[in-house]
């Protein structure tokens, strides 16, 4: 499976005027969208425009992962066939509710690969977990197909499904006065869903990508949410505007001090092993196997 992108930039499929700007942006992956960013009546237009401009997206040099409409819309099969080919690295599918949905999607991808002369298994899958049912079944969803490179958390749809109140008044900042608890996207209202998704993804050995931050002009709020998302195990985050990309990329890139500490931990562990010591210490803190594994994994991801 490909490495999990730090940043994935949405671009509405019915807005071809945005395509070039998206292709030139510093995203780790592009996600031309046929789903929530597109009004229902514009969905055929979005499908057509994305299919016609895949080469432009691919010219960015980063993976192109179109987001298709969910199974229950009746649009999924046409969406998939329109984009299938060597110009995409994977597809993302909204509102996956169960492992059965994933298996149905994976089977349709295999059939489309064969029709289009692609090696079966070459197209990765990025399903969206954004309903209470899917959160409860997170591990089963994450483990349902070897195609899954990462699962995606959709907080807005999950909030609607779970009945979490969202303030429709002031979206300027996550710290604006008067917001209810449900409006704090780093707070307890979404904590269980995020935790379940991370646990399911880790147990299944796939990546996890955090929900978009909708206040796209609020850089400070975005930075806080990125810090929180990385701290609990997410590998990346969606962007709805190119201005969010630098904050996301920087937030999911280990800093020099973090890398230096990881190297020191690995070196200290190696020295202890040479002396036949199972656990040692560094700067007054114990270094045991979990600490060493984390340090090695960090260095492997960035090396």
Protein backbone atom coordinates (compact mmCIF):
# COMPACT_ATOMS: atom_id res chain seq x y z
CA UNK A 1 0.00 0.00 0.00
CA UNK A 2 1.17 3.57 -0.68
CA UNK A 3 2.28 5.77 2.24
CA UNK A 4 -0.52 7.70 3.90
CA UNK A 5 -0.53 11.35 2.76
CA UNK A 6 -0.14 14.06 5.38
CA UNK A 7 -2.48 16.37 3.46
CA UNK A 8 -5.25 15.65 0.98
CA UNK A 9 -6.81 18.58 -0.84
CA UNK A 10 -10.45 18.50 -1.89
CA UNK A 11 -11.44 20.18 -5.14
CA UNK A 12 -15.12 20.26 -6.14
CA UNK A 13 -15.54 18.32 -9.37
CA UNK A 14 -18.04 20.80 -10.78
CA UNK A 15 -15.51 23.65 -10.49
CA UNK A 16 -12.95 23.14 -13.29
CA UNK A 17 -11.81 26.72 -12.71
CA UNK A 18 -10.23 25.43 -9.48
CA UNK A 19 -8.42 22.46 -10.99
CA UNK A 20 -5.15 24.13 -11.97
CA UNK A 21 -4.77 25.88 -8.62
CA UNK A 22 -5.35 22.55 -6.88
CA UNK A 23 -2.79 20.78 -9.08
CA UNK A 24 -0.21 23.45 -8.25
CA UNK A 25 -0.86 23.39 -4.49
CA UNK A 26 1.58 21.69 -2.04
CA UNK A 27 -0.75 18.83 -1.17
CA UNK A 28 0.49 15.28 -0.64
CA UNK A 29 -2.57 14.01 -2.56
CA UNK A 30 -5.45 15.47 -4.53
CA UNK A 31 -9.07 14.45 -4.02
CA UNK A 32 -11.33 15.62 -6.86
CA UNK A 33 -14.75 15.38 -5.28
CA UNK A 34 -18.02 14.10 -6.69
CA UNK A 35 -19.70 13.74 -3.30
CA UNK A 36 -20.51 16.29 -0.58
CA UNK A 37 -18.79 19.27 -2.23
CA UNK A 38 -21.09 18.94 -5.26
CA UNK A 39 -24.84 19.75 -5.37
CA UNK A 40 -27.02 16.85 -6.45
CA UNK A 41 -27.93 18.35 -9.80
CA UNK A 42 -24.25 18.98 -10.61
CA UNK A 43 -23.01 15.46 -9.94
CA UNK A 44 -23.04 14.31 -13.60
CA UNK A 45 -21.10 17.48 -14.46
CA UNK A 46 -18.56 16.77 -11.71
CA UNK A 47 -18.07 13.20 -12.92
CA UNK A 48 -17.55 14.37 -16.49
CA UNK A 49 -15.16 17.21 -15.58
CA UNK A 50 -13.03 15.07 -13.27
CA UNK A 51 -12.74 12.29 -15.85
CA UNK A 52 -11.76 14.79 -18.54
CA UNK A 53 -9.11 16.44 -16.36
CA UNK A 54 -7.41 13.47 -14.68
CA UNK A 55 -4.26 14.12 -16.68
CA UNK A 56 -4.11 17.68 -15.35
CA UNK A 57 -4.49 16.42 -11.78
CA UNK A 58 -1.86 13.73 -12.34
CA UNK A 59 0.56 16.36 -13.65
CA UNK A 60 0.90 17.52 -10.04
CA UNK A 61 3.08 14.48 -9.40
CA UNK A 62 1.11 13.47 -6.29
CA UNK A 63 -1.49 10.69 -5.98
CA UNK A 64 -4.93 11.45 -7.39
CA UNK A 65 -7.72 9.88 -5.33
CA UNK A 66 -11.20 10.86 -6.57
CA UNK A 67 -14.00 10.75 -4.00
CA UNK A 68 -16.99 8.88 -5.38
CA UNK A 69 -20.59 9.01 -4.27
CA UNK A 70 -21.73 6.43 -1.73
CA UNK A 71 -23.33 3.13 -2.60
CA UNK A 72 -26.80 4.24 -1.54
CA UNK A 73 -26.91 7.11 -4.07
CA UNK A 74 -27.00 4.84 -7.10
CA UNK A 75 -24.14 6.87 -8.60
CA UNK A 76 -21.17 4.86 -7.39
CA UNK A 77 -20.77 2.48 -10.34
CA UNK A 78 -20.82 5.24 -12.96
CA UNK A 79 -18.46 7.36 -10.86
CA UNK A 80 -16.00 4.49 -10.57
CA UNK A 81 -16.02 3.60 -14.25
CA UNK A 82 -15.53 7.24 -15.26
CA UNK A 83 -12.21 7.59 -13.43
CA UNK A 84 -10.77 4.08 -13.56
CA UNK A 85 -7.32 3.96 -15.13
CA UNK A 86 -3.62 4.47 -14.56
CA UNK A 87 -3.97 8.18 -13.74
CA UNK A 88 -5.48 7.52 -10.31
CA UNK A 89 -3.81 5.95 -7.28
CA UNK A 90 -7.03 5.08 -5.52
CA UNK A 91 -10.63 6.01 -4.91
CA UNK A 92 -12.39 7.29 -1.83
CA UNK A 93 -16.01 6.39 -1.10
CA UNK A 94 -18.29 8.31 1.22
CA UNK A 95 -20.56 6.99 3.97
CA UNK A 96 -19.34 3.41 4.21
CA UNK A 97 -21.42 1.82 6.95
CA UNK A 98 -20.14 -1.74 7.27
CA UNK A 99 -17.56 -4.31 6.24
CA UNK A 100 -20.14 -5.56 3.74
CA UNK A 101 -20.14 -2.15 2.04
CA UNK A 102 -16.34 -2.29 1.79
CA UNK A 103 -16.41 -5.76 0.26
CA UNK A 104 -19.00 -4.68 -2.28
CA UNK A 105 -16.91 -1.64 -3.21
CA UNK A 106 -13.72 -3.71 -3.44
CA UNK A 107 -15.43 -6.24 -5.70
CA UNK A 108 -16.67 -3.48 -8.00
CA UNK A 109 -13.14 -2.03 -8.19
CA UNK A 110 -11.70 -5.43 -9.13
CA UNK A 111 -14.25 -5.86 -11.92
CA UNK A 112 -13.55 -2.35 -13.21
CA UNK A 113 -9.78 -2.92 -13.12
CA UNK A 114 -10.19 -6.01 -15.27
CA UNK A 115 -12.44 -4.22 -17.75
CA UNK A 116 -9.90 -1.44 -18.07
CA UNK A 117 -6.78 -3.61 -18.37
CA UNK A 118 -5.36 -2.85 -14.90
CA UNK A 119 -3.72 -5.35 -12.60
CA UNK A 120 -6.33 -6.34 -9.98
CA UNK A 121 -5.42 -4.78 -6.64
CA UNK A 122 -3.63 -1.76 -8.12
CA UNK A 123 -6.28 0.78 -7.03
CA UNK A 124 -6.23 1.62 -3.32
CA UNK A 125 -9.37 2.33 -1.30
CA UNK A 126 -10.00 5.14 1.18
CA UNK A 127 -13.44 4.58 2.80
CA UNK A 128 -15.12 7.25 4.90
CA UNK A 129 -16.29 6.43 8.42
CA UNK A 130 -18.90 9.09 9.14
CA UNK A 131 -21.91 7.41 10.72
CA UNK A 132 -22.53 5.98 14.19
CA UNK A 133 -22.95 2.52 12.67
CA UNK A 134 -19.57 2.71 10.97
CA UNK A 135 -17.86 3.99 14.12
CA UNK A 136 -19.21 1.02 16.07
CA UNK A 137 -17.92 -1.29 13.32
CA UNK A 138 -14.63 0.59 12.81
CA UNK A 139 -12.30 -2.41 13.07
CA UNK A 140 -14.45 -4.55 10.79
CA UNK A 141 -14.57 -1.73 8.22
CA UNK A 142 -10.80 -1.16 8.43
CA UNK A 143 -10.08 -4.89 8.10
CA UNK A 144 -12.57 -5.68 5.32
CA UNK A 145 -10.24 -5.42 2.31
CA UNK A 146 -6.50 -5.45 1.60
CA UNK A 147 -7.18 -2.52 -0.75
CA UNK A 148 -7.64 -0.14 2.16
CA UNK A 149 -4.68 2.22 2.47
CA UNK A 150 -6.37 4.46 5.05
CA UNK A 151 -9.80 5.22 6.46
CA UNK A 152 -11.18 8.76 6.61
CA UNK A 153 -13.13 10.40 9.42
CA UNK A 154 -16.02 12.68 8.42
CA UNK A 155 -16.98 14.72 11.48
CA UNK A 156 -19.79 16.75 9.93
CA UNK A 157 -21.84 13.77 8.75
CA UNK A 158 -21.06 11.89 11.94
CA UNK A 159 -22.29 14.84 14.01
CA UNK A 160 -25.53 14.92 12.05
CA UNK A 161 -26.02 11.18 12.43
CA UNK A 162 -25.23 11.20 16.15
CA UNK A 163 -27.36 14.29 16.87
CA UNK A 164 -24.42 16.37 18.08
CA UNK A 165 -25.49 20.05 18.01
CA UNK A 166 -23.43 22.31 15.79
CA UNK A 167 -23.60 26.11 15.97
CA UNK A 168 -24.62 27.60 12.64
CA UNK A 169 -23.93 31.15 13.78
CA UNK A 170 -20.25 31.97 14.14
CA UNK A 171 -17.74 29.70 12.38
CA UNK A 172 -14.82 32.11 12.51
CA UNK A 173 -12.79 30.29 15.12
CA UNK A 174 -12.90 27.19 17.25
CA UNK A 175 -12.41 29.48 20.26
CA UNK A 176 -15.11 32.04 19.48
CA UNK A 177 -17.18 32.91 22.53
CA UNK A 178 -20.59 31.38 22.92
CA UNK A 179 -19.85 28.09 21.18
CA UNK A 180 -21.39 24.94 22.57
CA UNK A 181 -19.26 21.90 23.41
CA UNK A 182 -20.31 20.21 20.18
CA UNK A 183 -18.66 22.98 18.17
CA UNK A 184 -15.19 22.29 19.54
CA UNK A 185 -13.86 19.79 17.02
CA UNK A 186 -10.98 18.93 19.36
CA UNK A 187 -13.31 18.38 22.30
CA UNK A 188 -15.22 15.49 23.86
CA UNK A 189 -18.13 15.39 21.40
CA UNK A 190 -15.98 13.76 18.72
CA UNK A 191 -13.41 12.09 20.97
CA UNK A 192 -15.06 8.65 21.05
CA UNK A 193 -15.48 8.50 17.27
CA UNK A 194 -11.87 9.51 16.68
CA UNK A 195 -10.62 7.00 19.25
CA UNK A 196 -12.65 4.15 17.77
CA UNK A 197 -11.39 4.91 14.27
CA UNK A 198 -7.75 5.09 15.40
CA UNK A 199 -8.07 1.81 17.33
CA UNK A 200 -9.70 0.09 14.36
CA UNK A 201 -7.12 1.40 11.90
CA UNK A 202 -4.13 0.46 14.06
CA UNK A 203 -5.53 -3.01 14.75
CA UNK A 204 -6.11 -3.56 11.03
CA UNK A 205 -2.74 -2.11 10.00
CA UNK A 206 -4.10 0.73 7.87
CA UNK A 207 -3.74 4.51 8.04
CA UNK A 208 -6.23 7.03 9.36
CA UNK A 209 -6.93 10.53 8.01
CA UNK A 210 -8.69 13.15 10.11
CA UNK A 211 -11.73 15.19 9.13
CA UNK A 212 -11.46 18.57 7.36
CA UNK A 213 -11.31 21.71 9.48
CA UNK A 214 -14.16 23.78 8.08
CA UNK A 215 -13.08 27.24 9.36
CA UNK A 216 -10.54 27.52 6.57
CA UNK A 217 -9.43 31.06 7.50
CA UNK A 218 -8.68 30.09 11.10
CA UNK A 219 -5.03 29.02 10.93
CA UNK A 220 -4.57 28.91 14.71
CA UNK A 221 -7.61 26.68 15.18
CA UNK A 222 -6.41 24.42 12.40
CA UNK A 223 -2.95 24.14 13.96
CA UNK A 224 -4.50 23.11 17.29
CA UNK A 225 -6.64 20.49 15.62
CA UNK A 226 -3.70 19.12 13.61
CA UNK A 227 -1.64 18.85 16.80
CA UNK A 228 -4.46 17.00 18.53
CA UNK A 229 -5.08 14.69 15.56
CA UNK A 230 -1.46 13.68 15.28
CA UNK A 231 -1.14 13.23 19.05
CA UNK A 232 -3.91 10.61 19.09
CA UNK A 233 -2.65 8.67 16.09
CA UNK A 234 -3.97 10.17 12.84
CA UNK A 235 -1.52 10.09 9.93
CA UNK A 236 -2.88 13.07 8.00
CA UNK A 237 -5.75 15.49 7.53
CA UNK A 238 -8.00 16.74 4.76
CA UNK A 239 -7.84 20.30 3.49
CA UNK A 240 -10.74 22.19 1.92
CA UNK A 241 -8.58 25.14 0.86
CA UNK A 242 -4.95 25.38 -0.36
CA UNK A 243 -4.23 27.87 2.44
CA UNK A 244 -4.58 25.02 4.95
CA UNK A 245 -1.89 22.83 3.41
CA UNK A 246 1.23 24.31 4.96
CA UNK A 247 -0.23 24.06 8.46
CA UNK A 248 -1.25 20.45 7.91
CA UNK A 249 2.02 19.41 6.28
CA UNK A 250 4.09 21.06 9.00
CA UNK A 251 1.95 19.62 11.77
CA UNK A 252 2.32 16.06 10.51
CA UNK A 253 6.06 16.39 9.86
CA UNK A 254 8.27 15.49 12.84
CA UNK A 255 10.43 18.39 14.00
CA UNK A 256 14.22 18.32 14.30
CA UNK A 257 14.11 17.93 18.08
CA UNK A 258 11.65 15.04 17.84
CA UNK A 259 13.85 13.25 15.29
CA UNK A 260 16.98 13.91 17.30
CA UNK A 261 15.37 12.47 20.44
CA UNK A 262 14.25 9.39 18.49
CA UNK A 263 17.80 8.84 17.28
CA UNK A 264 19.14 9.23 20.83
CA UNK A 265 16.61 6.69 22.11
CA UNK A 266 17.56 4.17 19.41
CA UNK A 267 21.27 4.70 20.10
CA UNK A 268 20.79 4.31 23.87
CA UNK A 269 18.79 1.14 23.32
CA UNK A 270 21.48 -0.29 21.07
CA UNK A 271 24.15 0.46 23.68
CA UNK A 272 22.06 -1.20 26.38
CA UNK A 273 21.49 -4.26 24.21
CA UNK A 274 25.23 -4.65 23.69
CA UNK A 275 25.58 -4.77 27.47
CA UNK A 276 22.76 -7.29 27.78
CA UNK A 277 20.40 -4.81 29.44
CA UNK A 278 16.71 -5.02 28.51
CA UNK A 279 15.72 -1.53 29.65
CA UNK A 280 17.76 1.60 30.18
CA UNK A 281 17.20 5.32 30.74
CA UNK A 282 17.85 8.60 28.99
CA UNK A 283 17.60 12.04 30.59
CA UNK A 284 16.06 10.48 33.67
CA UNK A 285 13.32 8.67 31.72
CA UNK A 286 13.01 4.92 31.30
CA UNK A 287 13.49 3.53 27.79
CA UNK A 288 11.66 0.24 27.34
CA UNK A 289 10.52 -1.72 24.31
CA UNK A 290 7.40 0.38 23.46
CA UNK A 291 9.50 3.56 23.58
CA UNK A 292 12.11 2.02 21.28
CA UNK A 293 9.51 0.73 18.84
CA UNK A 294 7.92 4.20 18.60
CA UNK A 295 11.29 5.85 18.02
CA UNK A 296 12.27 3.37 15.32
CA UNK A 297 8.90 3.70 13.60
CA UNK A 298 9.21 7.49 13.56
CA UNK A 299 12.67 7.32 12.00
CA UNK A 300 11.50 4.73 9.46
CA UNK A 301 8.60 6.94 8.32
CA UNK A 302 10.85 9.95 7.83
CA UNK A 303 13.91 8.17 6.50
